[in-house]
Protein backbone atom coordinates (compact mmCIF):
# COMPACT_ATOMS: atom_id res chain seq x y z
CA MET A 1 -17.53 26.75 -9.54
CA ARG A 2 -19.30 23.38 -10.30
CA THR A 3 -16.03 21.81 -11.68
CA LEU A 4 -14.18 22.77 -8.55
CA VAL A 5 -17.25 20.87 -6.04
CA GLN A 6 -16.93 17.90 -8.59
CA VAL A 7 -13.46 17.35 -7.91
CA VAL A 8 -13.52 17.84 -4.64
CA LEU A 9 -16.20 15.48 -4.29
CA PHE A 10 -13.90 12.89 -6.52
CA SER A 11 -10.97 13.89 -4.02
CA ALA A 12 -13.48 12.74 -0.65
CA VAL A 13 -14.51 9.39 -2.79
CA TRP A 14 -10.89 8.65 -2.86
CA LEU A 15 -10.63 10.02 0.58
CA ALA A 16 -13.04 7.28 1.99
CA ALA A 17 -11.87 4.68 -0.16
CA ASN A 18 -8.41 5.14 1.19
CA ARG A 19 -9.38 4.89 4.30
CA LEU A 20 -11.75 1.99 3.92
CA SER A 21 -8.46 -0.12 1.88
CA SER A 22 -6.29 0.82 4.52
CA GLN A 23 -8.49 -0.64 7.21
CA PHE A 24 -10.42 -3.53 6.37
CA LEU A 25 -9.00 -4.31 2.38
CA PRO A 26 -5.43 -3.70 2.87
CA VAL A 27 -4.94 -5.96 -0.80
CA VAL A 28 -7.22 -3.58 -2.31
CA PRO A 29 -5.87 -0.55 -4.09
CA ALA A 30 -7.60 3.05 -3.10
CA GLY A 31 -8.28 4.20 -6.30
CA VAL A 32 -9.97 0.89 -7.95
CA LEU A 33 -12.06 0.57 -4.61
CA GLY A 34 -13.24 4.41 -5.33
CA MET A 35 -13.49 3.54 -8.95
CA PHE A 36 -16.18 1.09 -7.94
CA LEU A 37 -17.53 3.25 -5.26
CA VAL A 38 -18.85 5.76 -7.44
CA LEU A 39 -19.46 3.12 -10.52
CA GLY A 40 -21.71 1.70 -7.82
CA VAL A 41 -23.98 5.02 -6.71
CA LEU A 42 -23.98 5.89 -10.30
CA TRP A 43 -25.44 2.63 -11.31
CA LEU A 44 -28.01 3.04 -8.28
CA GLY A 45 -29.10 6.57 -9.50
CA TRP A 46 -28.10 8.09 -6.44
CA LEU A 47 -25.82 10.67 -8.35
CA PRO A 48 -26.89 11.74 -11.52
CA VAL A 49 -24.00 11.62 -14.33
CA GLU A 50 -24.33 15.17 -15.05
CA TRP A 51 -23.22 15.72 -11.03
CA CYS A 52 -19.79 14.78 -12.07
CA ARG A 53 -19.55 14.80 -15.35
CA ASP A 54 -17.72 18.10 -15.95
CA GLY A 55 -15.17 17.00 -12.42
CA ALA A 56 -14.06 13.99 -14.47
CA ARG A 57 -13.65 15.56 -17.82
CA TRP A 58 -11.55 18.08 -16.23
CA LEU A 59 -9.49 15.30 -14.26
CA LEU A 60 -9.08 13.56 -17.09
CA ALA A 61 -8.07 16.23 -19.48
CA GLU A 62 -5.18 17.20 -17.25
CA MET A 63 -4.04 13.54 -16.19
CA LEU A 64 -0.84 14.42 -17.41
CA LEU A 65 -0.44 16.40 -14.48
CA PHE A 66 -0.61 13.89 -12.30
CA PHE A 67 2.27 11.48 -13.91
CA ILE A 68 4.99 14.27 -13.53
CA PRO A 69 5.99 13.62 -9.92
CA ALA A 70 6.58 9.78 -11.08
CA VAL A 71 8.66 10.87 -14.51
CA VAL A 72 10.40 12.85 -12.57
CA SER A 73 11.46 10.32 -9.63
CA VAL A 74 12.35 8.16 -12.32
CA VAL A 75 14.62 10.56 -14.04
CA GLN A 76 16.28 10.76 -10.71
CA TYR A 77 18.09 7.39 -10.95
CA PRO A 78 19.54 6.95 -14.39
CA ASP A 79 22.14 3.65 -13.29
CA VAL A 80 18.76 2.39 -12.95
CA ILE A 81 17.30 3.30 -16.61
CA ILE A 82 20.72 2.40 -17.94
CA THR A 83 21.18 -1.12 -16.79
CA ALA A 84 17.38 -1.72 -16.79
CA GLY A 85 15.58 0.45 -19.13
CA LEU A 86 15.02 -2.60 -22.02
CA LYS A 87 13.99 -4.75 -19.49
CA ILE A 88 11.43 -2.21 -18.27
CA LEU A 89 10.66 -1.26 -21.86
CA LEU A 90 9.95 -4.63 -22.64
CA VAL A 91 7.45 -5.03 -19.58
CA ILE A 92 5.57 -2.49 -19.95
CA VAL A 93 5.17 -3.41 -24.06
CA ILE A 94 4.32 -7.04 -23.17
CA SER A 95 1.63 -5.61 -20.24
CA THR A 96 0.32 -3.27 -22.23
CA ALA A 97 -0.38 -6.44 -25.41
CA ILE A 98 -2.00 -8.45 -22.65
CA VAL A 99 -4.16 -5.89 -21.55
CA MET A 100 -5.43 -5.38 -24.69
CA VAL A 101 -6.06 -8.77 -25.65
CA VAL A 102 -8.00 -9.85 -22.54
CA THR A 103 -10.00 -6.90 -22.72
CA SER A 104 -10.99 -7.52 -26.29
CA LEU A 105 -11.78 -10.79 -25.40
CA VAL A 106 -13.88 -9.81 -22.42
CA VAL A 107 -15.75 -7.08 -24.53
CA ASP A 108 -16.71 -9.75 -26.82
CA ARG A 109 -17.48 -12.42 -24.66
CA CYS A 110 -19.83 -9.75 -23.40
CA TYR A 111 -21.22 -8.70 -26.11
CA ARG A 112 -21.69 -12.56 -27.26
CA LEU A 113 -23.65 -13.10 -23.85
CA GLU A 114 -25.81 -9.70 -24.29
CA ILE A 115 -26.86 -10.75 -27.97
CA MET A 116 -27.68 -14.25 -26.89
CA LEU A 117 -29.85 -12.91 -23.94
CA LYS A 118 -31.87 -10.49 -26.02
CA ARG A 119 -32.49 -13.52 -28.12
CA GLN A 120 -33.72 -15.69 -25.39
CA TRP A 121 -35.64 -12.41 -24.01
CA ARG A 122 -37.33 -12.15 -27.45
CA GLY A 123 -38.37 -15.47 -27.47
CA ARG A 124 -39.89 -15.03 -24.43
CA THR A 125 -42.25 -12.47 -25.01
CA ALA A 126 -43.27 -13.42 -28.63
């Protein structure tokens, strides 16, 4: 029952983000806006992590089910796969590699910044 309530909570956040996105920020996808809303609420401490952990775990565990409609849509157009399949695959591989490289660079920079700030903080308190 708790998991169901948490999934409903995530759905409500998505609906609110969808409304906000369509009304005020049409260039920002509702999923991204909803993610930032949840992150902000968690960061501010307005919502304890325990209140959404089970629902998030269930949604992540069942994520494959959410991709089935997209796969069915692609399978309905075999001519597109035949003519552009290799190009699509190439775009997927290259974009995945770019995301991985950029993510690693950002994490590395953030880690170095964190170390630098800790050293500065220790220097002030010593």
